[in-house]
Amino acid sequence: MKPTLSDHDRRRLDARVAEAEKRTGIQIVLSVIRRSDSYAELPWKAFALGASAAGLILFLLYGSSFDWYPDVTPLLMVTGILASGAAFALLGITIPRFAKFFLPDSRAEVEVRQYAKTLFLDRELFATQGRRGILLLVSLFEHRVVILPDKWLAQRLTEEHVRNMIAAMTPLLKRKQVTQAFDAGLDYLSGVLTTASPEIHGDELPNAIIEEEGI
């Protein structure tokens, strides 16, 4: 898969993560996911919209022009409806922005959060001294940010802090400014958290950004 971030951006963010970890005493992992689910139903929703719209238009046109075109067959109308539905379905497959029109916010939120939780467990991000890890995950297709702090950190990073951090990152992500979105998240963490445990200096989790195609 083609990387979302350039080598320069990766190196800069790696350095920023190391700096933020030293400042806060926590372990930070950044992740970029292209999409958190296949959303197999989206092309079918697009098909339904295209077919319904074409059916309505053809019905109205046929009713108003029957006297001029009495030989228009139902088969021709059905073909037009199916062709329109197929065209919309193809757009839903090939153009992410068009497909996203059919994705409810609630579904996107659930899928991105589920992907983040699975990644947290699969990569063993909980394996830190004192459970001080945190995952900052962005999912590009859904334009969603998920912040997952581990147990110890969750007691100090309130829900309001998490909401504010997401609010700072999301507008940048929607403008496809992924690096700047991570910058905003790291700035917020560094501003909210003081040094949590000065005696912990080593890197328990890799600073390298996790980038995956997703599902």
C-alpha atoms as a PDB file:
ATOM      1  CA  MET A   1       0.000   0.000   0.000  1.00  0.00           C
ATOM      2  CA  LYS A   2       1.167   3.524  -0.758  1.00  0.00           C
ATOM      3  CA  PRO A   3       2.245   5.285   2.455  1.00  0.00           C
ATOM      4  CA  THR A   4       0.040   8.124   3.649  1.00  0.00           C
ATOM      5  CA  LEU A   5       2.921   9.925   5.334  1.00  0.00           C
ATOM      6  CA  SER A   6       6.202  10.900   3.730  1.00  0.00           C
ATOM      7  CA  ASP A   7       9.509   9.769   5.219  1.00  0.00           C
ATOM      8  CA  HIS A   8      10.125  13.334   6.373  1.00  0.00           C
ATOM      9  CA  ASP A   9       6.758  13.476   8.169  1.00  0.00           C
ATOM     10  CA  ARG A  10       7.388  10.098   9.773  1.00  0.00           C
ATOM     11  CA  ARG A  11      10.777  11.120  11.119  1.00  0.00           C
ATOM     12  CA  ARG A  12       9.393  14.378  12.438  1.00  0.00           C
ATOM     13  CA  LEU A  13       6.444  12.694  14.144  1.00  0.00           C
ATOM     14  CA  ASP A  14       8.698   9.982  15.585  1.00  0.00           C
ATOM     15  CA  ALA A  15      10.818  12.728  17.138  1.00  0.00           C
ATOM     16  CA  ARG A  16       7.712  14.518  18.412  1.00  0.00           C
ATOM     17  CA  VAL A  17       6.451  11.316  20.032  1.00  0.00           C
ATOM     18  CA  ALA A  18       9.797  10.807  21.782  1.00  0.00           C
ATOM     19  CA  GLU A  19       9.725  14.404  23.001  1.00  0.00           C
ATOM     20  CA  ALA A  20       6.136  14.133  24.273  1.00  0.00           C
ATOM     21  CA  GLU A  21       6.903  10.850  26.039  1.00  0.00           C
ATOM     22  CA  LYS A  22       9.865  12.408  27.816  1.00  0.00           C
ATOM     23  CA  ARG A  23       7.736  15.368  28.856  1.00  0.00           C
ATOM     24  CA  THR A  24       4.735  13.371  30.098  1.00  0.00           C
ATOM     25  CA  GLY A  25       6.240  10.061  31.203  1.00  0.00           C
ATOM     26  CA  ILE A  26       3.744   8.041  29.129  1.00  0.00           C
ATOM     27  CA  GLN A  27       4.075   5.816  26.058  1.00  0.00           C
ATOM     28  CA  ILE A  28       2.432   7.159  22.884  1.00  0.00           C
ATOM     29  CA  VAL A  29       1.608   5.226  19.702  1.00  0.00           C
ATOM     30  CA  LEU A  30       0.294   6.861  16.526  1.00  0.00           C
ATOM     31  CA  SER A  31      -1.626   4.928  13.875  1.00  0.00           C
ATOM     32  CA  VAL A  32      -3.035   5.730  10.418  1.00  0.00           C
ATOM     33  CA  ILE A  33      -5.702   3.417   8.971  1.00  0.00           C
ATOM     34  CA  ARG A  34      -7.129   3.818   5.476  1.00  0.00           C
ATOM     35  CA  ARG A  35     -10.550   2.416   6.418  1.00  0.00           C
ATOM     36  CA  SER A  36     -11.771   0.505   9.454  1.00  0.00           C
ATOM     37  CA  ASP A  37     -14.342  -1.698   7.710  1.00  0.00           C
ATOM     38  CA  SER A  38     -15.231  -2.854   4.204  1.00  0.00           C
ATOM     39  CA  TYR A  39     -18.789  -1.465   4.512  1.00  0.00           C
ATOM     40  CA  ALA A  40     -20.097  -3.933   1.948  1.00  0.00           C
ATOM     41  CA  GLU A  41     -23.575  -2.411   2.149  1.00  0.00           C
ATOM     42  CA  LEU A  42     -22.542   1.008   0.806  1.00  0.00           C
ATOM     43  CA  PRO A  43     -22.548   0.073  -2.935  1.00  0.00           C
ATOM     44  CA  TRP A  44     -25.973  -1.522  -2.447  1.00  0.00           C
ATOM     45  CA  LYS A  45     -27.291   1.647  -0.831  1.00  0.00           C
ATOM     46  CA  ALA A  46     -25.905   3.633  -3.760  1.00  0.00           C
ATOM     47  CA  PHE A  47     -27.533   1.183  -6.169  1.00  0.00           C
ATOM     48  CA  ALA A  48     -30.885   1.577  -4.416  1.00  0.00           C
ATOM     49  CA  LEU A  49     -30.679   5.363  -4.607  1.00  0.00           C
ATOM     50  CA  GLY A  50     -29.726   5.360  -8.281  1.00  0.00           C
ATOM     51  CA  ALA A  51     -32.422   2.867  -9.225  1.00  0.00           C
ATOM     52  CA  SER A  52     -35.100   4.662  -7.214  1.00  0.00           C
ATOM     53  CA  ALA A  53     -34.229   8.066  -8.659  1.00  0.00           C
ATOM     54  CA  ALA A  54     -34.165   6.705 -12.213  1.00  0.00           C
ATOM     55  CA  GLY A  55     -37.450   4.887 -11.682  1.00  0.00           C
ATOM     56  CA  LEU A  56     -39.168   8.029 -10.468  1.00  0.00           C
ATOM     57  CA  ILE A  57     -37.771  10.164 -13.307  1.00  0.00           C
ATOM     58  CA  LEU A  58     -38.718   7.608 -15.965  1.00  0.00           C
ATOM     59  CA  PHE A  59     -42.197   7.204 -14.504  1.00  0.00           C
ATOM     60  CA  LEU A  60     -42.795  10.956 -14.607  1.00  0.00           C
ATOM     61  CA  LEU A  61     -41.368  11.297 -18.106  1.00  0.00           C
ATOM     62  CA  TYR A  62     -43.357   8.343 -19.404  1.00  0.00           C
ATOM     63  CA  GLY A  63     -46.584   9.658 -17.902  1.00  0.00           C
ATOM     64  CA  SER A  64     -46.124  13.098 -19.431  1.00  0.00           C
ATOM     65  CA  SER A  65     -44.933  11.942 -22.853  1.00  0.00           C
ATOM     66  CA  PHE A  66     -46.961   8.774 -23.408  1.00  0.00           C
ATOM     67  CA  ASP A  67     -48.890  10.372 -26.265  1.00  0.00           C
ATOM     68  CA  TRP A  68     -45.615  11.104 -28.095  1.00  0.00           C
ATOM     69  CA  TYR A  69     -43.813   7.837 -27.295  1.00  0.00           C
ATOM     70  CA  PRO A  70     -46.437   5.102 -26.895  1.00  0.00           C
ATOM     71  CA  ASP A  71     -44.014   2.383 -28.005  1.00  0.00           C
ATOM     72  CA  VAL A  72     -41.661   2.741 -25.027  1.00  0.00           C
ATOM     73  CA  THR A  73     -41.604  -0.752 -23.522  1.00  0.00           C
ATOM     74  CA  PRO A  74     -41.409  -1.674 -19.823  1.00  0.00           C
ATOM     75  CA  LEU A  75     -38.224  -3.595 -20.635  1.00  0.00           C
ATOM     76  CA  LEU A  76     -36.550  -0.402 -21.794  1.00  0.00           C
ATOM     77  CA  MET A  77     -37.604   1.382 -18.610  1.00  0.00           C
ATOM     78  CA  VAL A  78     -36.345  -1.455 -16.422  1.00  0.00           C
ATOM     79  CA  THR A  79     -33.024  -1.415 -18.282  1.00  0.00           C
ATOM     80  CA  GLY A  80     -32.677   2.290 -17.614  1.00  0.00           C
ATOM     81  CA  ILE A  81     -33.439   1.821 -13.911  1.00  0.00           C
ATOM     82  CA  LEU A  82     -30.909  -0.995 -13.522  1.00  0.00           C
ATOM     83  CA  ALA A  83     -28.247   0.876 -15.498  1.00  0.00           C
ATOM     84  CA  SER A  84     -28.652   3.935 -13.283  1.00  0.00           C
ATOM     85  CA  GLY A  85     -28.433   1.796 -10.146  1.00  0.00           C
ATOM     86  CA  ALA A  86     -25.306   0.055 -11.448  1.00  0.00           C
ATOM     87  CA  ALA A  87     -23.680   3.408 -12.230  1.00  0.00           C
ATOM     88  CA  PHE A  88     -24.340   4.672  -8.697  1.00  0.00           C
ATOM     89  CA  ALA A  89     -22.995   1.429  -7.228  1.00  0.00           C
ATOM     90  CA  LEU A  90     -19.813   1.788  -9.297  1.00  0.00           C
ATOM     91  CA  LEU A  91     -19.379   5.334  -8.031  1.00  0.00           C
ATOM     92  CA  GLY A  92     -19.795   4.016  -4.485  1.00  0.00           C
ATOM     93  CA  ILE A  93     -16.965   1.550  -5.072  1.00  0.00           C
ATOM     94  CA  THR A  94     -14.523   3.841  -6.854  1.00  0.00           C
ATOM     95  CA  ILE A  95     -15.080   7.228  -5.182  1.00  0.00           C
ATOM     96  CA  PRO A  96     -14.665   7.158  -1.380  1.00  0.00           C
ATOM     97  CA  ARG A  97     -16.231  10.586  -0.880  1.00  0.00           C
ATOM     98  CA  PHE A  98     -19.389   9.459  -2.696  1.00  0.00           C
ATOM     99  CA  ALA A  99     -19.500   6.187  -0.729  1.00  0.00           C
ATOM    100  CA  LYS A 100     -19.139   8.047   2.566  1.00  0.00           C
ATOM    101  CA  PHE A 101     -22.410   9.853   1.808  1.00  0.00           C
ATOM    102  CA  PHE A 102     -24.187   6.545   2.559  1.00  0.00           C
ATOM    103  CA  LEU A 103     -22.289   5.829   5.797  1.00  0.00           C
ATOM    104  CA  PRO A 104     -24.116   6.810   9.022  1.00  0.00           C
ATOM    105  CA  ASP A 105     -21.978   8.584  11.611  1.00  0.00           C
ATOM    106  CA  SER A 106     -22.962   6.064  14.272  1.00  0.00           C
ATOM    107  CA  ARG A 107     -21.766   3.130  12.172  1.00  0.00           C
ATOM    108  CA  ALA A 108     -18.471   4.843  11.374  1.00  0.00           C
ATOM    109  CA  GLU A 109     -17.886   5.612  15.059  1.00  0.00           C
ATOM    110  CA  VAL A 110     -18.492   1.997  16.104  1.00  0.00           C
ATOM    111  CA  GLU A 111     -16.267   0.481  13.419  1.00  0.00           C
ATOM    112  CA  VAL A 112     -13.316   2.824  13.962  1.00  0.00           C
ATOM    113  CA  ARG A 113     -13.437   2.351  17.724  1.00  0.00           C
ATOM    114  CA  GLN A 114     -13.622  -1.430  17.296  1.00  0.00           C
ATOM    115  CA  TYR A 115     -10.617  -1.371  14.965  1.00  0.00           C
ATOM    116  CA  ALA A 116      -8.676   0.737  17.461  1.00  0.00           C
ATOM    117  CA  LYS A 117      -9.431  -1.669  20.311  1.00  0.00           C
ATOM    118  CA  THR A 118      -8.367  -4.652  18.192  1.00  0.00           C
ATOM    119  CA  LEU A 119      -5.137  -2.908  17.200  1.00  0.00           C
ATOM    120  CA  PHE A 120      -4.431  -2.016  20.827  1.00  0.00           C
ATOM    121  CA  LEU A 121      -4.682  -5.684  21.809  1.00  0.00           C
ATOM    122  CA  ASP A 122      -2.969  -7.195  18.742  1.00  0.00           C
ATOM    123  CA  ARG A 123       0.050  -4.894  19.063  1.00  0.00           C
ATOM    124  CA  GLU A 124       0.126  -5.428  22.866  1.00  0.00           C
ATOM    125  CA  LEU A 125       0.102  -1.725  23.585  1.00  0.00           C
ATOM    126  CA  PHE A 126      -0.933  -2.604  27.121  1.00  0.00           C
ATOM    127  CA  ALA A 127       2.547  -4.051  27.782  1.00  0.00           C
ATOM    128  CA  THR A 128       3.919  -0.981  29.553  1.00  0.00           C
ATOM    129  CA  GLN A 129       5.082  -0.502  33.115  1.00  0.00           C
ATOM    130  CA  GLY A 130       2.132   0.802  35.072  1.00  0.00           C
ATOM    131  CA  ARG A 131      -0.232   0.589  32.017  1.00  0.00           C
ATOM    132  CA  ARG A 132       0.760   4.072  30.800  1.00  0.00           C
ATOM    133  CA  GLY A 133       0.264   3.637  27.053  1.00  0.00           C
ATOM    134  CA  ILE A 134      -2.055   5.607  24.763  1.00  0.00           C
ATOM    135  CA  LEU A 135      -3.100   5.067  21.148  1.00  0.00           C
ATOM    136  CA  LEU A 136      -3.925   7.975  18.835  1.00  0.00           C
ATOM    137  CA  LEU A 137      -5.597   6.444  15.783  1.00  0.00           C
ATOM    138  CA  VAL A 138      -6.947   8.202  12.711  1.00  0.00           C
ATOM    139  CA  SER A 139      -9.058   6.430  10.088  1.00  0.00           C
ATOM    140  CA  LEU A 140      -8.902   8.256   6.774  1.00  0.00           C
ATOM    141  CA  PHE A 141     -12.052   7.035   5.018  1.00  0.00           C
ATOM    142  CA  GLU A 142     -14.303   7.777   7.983  1.00  0.00           C
ATOM    143  CA  HIS A 143     -12.479  10.992   8.996  1.00  0.00           C
ATOM    144  CA  ARG A 144     -12.506   9.709  12.574  1.00  0.00           C
ATOM    145  CA  VAL A 145     -10.104   9.977  15.483  1.00  0.00           C
ATOM    146  CA  VAL A 146     -10.035   7.489  18.355  1.00  0.00           C
ATOM    147  CA  ILE A 147      -8.010   8.031  21.527  1.00  0.00           C
ATOM    148  CA  LEU A 148      -7.468   4.916  23.654  1.00  0.00           C
ATOM    149  CA  PRO A 149      -5.590   5.480  26.937  1.00  0.00           C
ATOM    150  CA  ASP A 150      -4.568   2.462  29.017  1.00  0.00           C
ATOM    151  CA  LYS A 151      -5.884   1.929  32.557  1.00  0.00           C
ATOM    152  CA  TRP A 152      -3.522   4.118  34.562  1.00  0.00           C
ATOM    153  CA  LEU A 153      -3.645   6.958  32.073  1.00  0.00           C
ATOM    154  CA  ALA A 154      -7.431   6.765  31.735  1.00  0.00           C
ATOM    155  CA  GLN A 155      -7.680   7.817  35.382  1.00  0.00           C
ATOM    156  CA  ARG A 156      -5.838  11.062  34.626  1.00  0.00           C
ATOM    157  CA  LEU A 157      -7.027  11.826  31.111  1.00  0.00           C
ATOM    158  CA  THR A 158     -10.715  12.648  31.540  1.00  0.00           C
ATOM    159  CA  GLU A 159     -13.451  12.127  28.944  1.00  0.00           C
ATOM    160  CA  GLU A 160     -13.515  15.884  28.447  1.00  0.00           C
ATOM    161  CA  HIS A 161      -9.801  15.860  27.666  1.00  0.00           C
ATOM    162  CA  VAL A 162     -10.340  13.089  25.122  1.00  0.00           C
ATOM    163  CA  ARG A 163     -13.223  14.950  23.481  1.00  0.00           C
ATOM    164  CA  ASN A 164     -11.180  18.141  23.296  1.00  0.00           C
ATOM    165  CA  MET A 165      -8.236  16.300  21.776  1.00  0.00           C
ATOM    166  CA  ILE A 166     -10.470  14.694  19.144  1.00  0.00           C
ATOM    167  CA  ALA A 167     -12.067  18.074  18.434  1.00  0.00           C
ATOM    168  CA  ALA A 168      -8.615  19.572  17.843  1.00  0.00           C
ATOM    169  CA  MET A 169      -7.539  16.770  15.487  1.00  0.00           C
ATOM    170  CA  THR A 170     -10.682  16.068  13.445  1.00  0.00           C
ATOM    171  CA  PRO A 171     -10.920  19.320  11.411  1.00  0.00           C
ATOM    172  CA  LEU A 172      -7.316  18.859  10.261  1.00  0.00           C
ATOM    173  CA  LEU A 173      -7.963  15.230   9.373  1.00  0.00           C
ATOM    174  CA  LYS A 174     -10.994  16.214   7.279  1.00  0.00           C
ATOM    175  CA  ARG A 175      -8.701  18.544   5.328  1.00  0.00           C
ATOM    176  CA  LYS A 176      -6.343  15.572   4.795  1.00  0.00           C
ATOM    177  CA  GLN A 177      -3.690  17.182   6.998  1.00  0.00           C
ATOM    178  CA  VAL A 178      -2.787  13.985   8.825  1.00  0.00           C
ATOM    179  CA  THR A 179       0.581  15.173  10.126  1.00  0.00           C
ATOM    180  CA  GLN A 180      -0.924  18.378  11.477  1.00  0.00           C
ATOM    181  CA  ALA A 181      -3.720  16.394  13.113  1.00  0.00           C
ATOM    182  CA  PHE A 182      -1.157  14.303  15.009  1.00  0.00           C
ATOM    183  CA  ASP A 183       0.711  17.482  15.918  1.00  0.00           C
ATOM    184  CA  ALA A 184      -2.474  18.876  17.453  1.00  0.00           C
ATOM    185  CA  GLY A 185      -3.024  15.692  19.457  1.00  0.00           C
ATOM    186  CA  LEU A 186       0.545  15.613  20.748  1.00  0.00           C
ATOM    187  CA  ASP A 187       0.406  19.307  21.635  1.00  0.00           C
ATOM    188  CA  TYR A 188      -2.762  18.723  23.629  1.00  0.00           C
ATOM    189  CA  LEU A 189      -1.296  15.729  25.488  1.00  0.00           C
ATOM    190  CA  SER A 190       1.871  17.646  26.341  1.00  0.00           C
ATOM    191  CA  GLY A 191      -0.205  20.566  27.612  1.00  0.00           C
ATOM    192  CA  VAL A 192      -2.557  18.494  29.775  1.00  0.00           C
ATOM    193  CA  LEU A 193      -0.197  15.931  31.301  1.00  0.00           C
ATOM    194  CA  THR A 194       2.741  16.746  33.525  1.00  0.00           C
ATOM    195  CA  THR A 195       5.560  14.272  33.972  1.00  0.00           C
ATOM    196  CA  ALA A 196       3.776  11.205  35.239  1.00  0.00           C
ATOM    197  CA  SER A 197       6.694   9.070  36.393  1.00  0.00           C
ATOM    198  CA  PRO A 198      10.224  10.544  36.183  1.00  0.00           C
ATOM    199  CA  GLU A 199      11.848   7.201  36.992  1.00  0.00           C
ATOM    200  CA  ILE A 200      10.658   5.637  33.689  1.00  0.00           C
ATOM    201  CA  HIS A 201      13.010   6.662  30.873  1.00  0.00           C
ATOM    202  CA  GLY A 202      13.145   3.766  28.396  1.00  0.00           C
ATOM    203  CA  ASP A 203      10.985   3.288  25.329  1.00  0.00           C
ATOM    204  CA  GLU A 204       8.605   0.429  26.106  1.00  0.00           C
ATOM    205  CA  LEU A 205       6.646   0.864  22.865  1.00  0.00           C
ATOM    206  CA  PRO A 206       8.085   1.728  19.427  1.00  0.00           C
ATOM    207  CA  ASN A 207       7.742   5.341  18.309  1.00  0.00           C
ATOM    208  CA  ALA A 208       7.304   4.312  14.654  1.00  0.00           C
ATOM    209  CA  ILE A 209       3.840   5.112  13.300  1.00  0.00           C
ATOM    210  CA  ILE A 210       1.586   2.130  12.653  1.00  0.00           C
ATOM    211  CA  GLU A 211       0.113   2.413   9.164  1.00  0.00           C
ATOM    212  CA  GLU A 212      -2.337  -0.186   7.867  1.00  0.00           C
ATOM    213  CA  GLU A 213      -4.699  -0.584   4.918  1.00  0.00           C
ATOM    214  CA  GLY A 214      -7.468  -1.693   7.268  1.00  0.00           C
ATOM    215  CA  ILE A 215     -10.382  -3.909   6.300  1.00  0.00           C
END
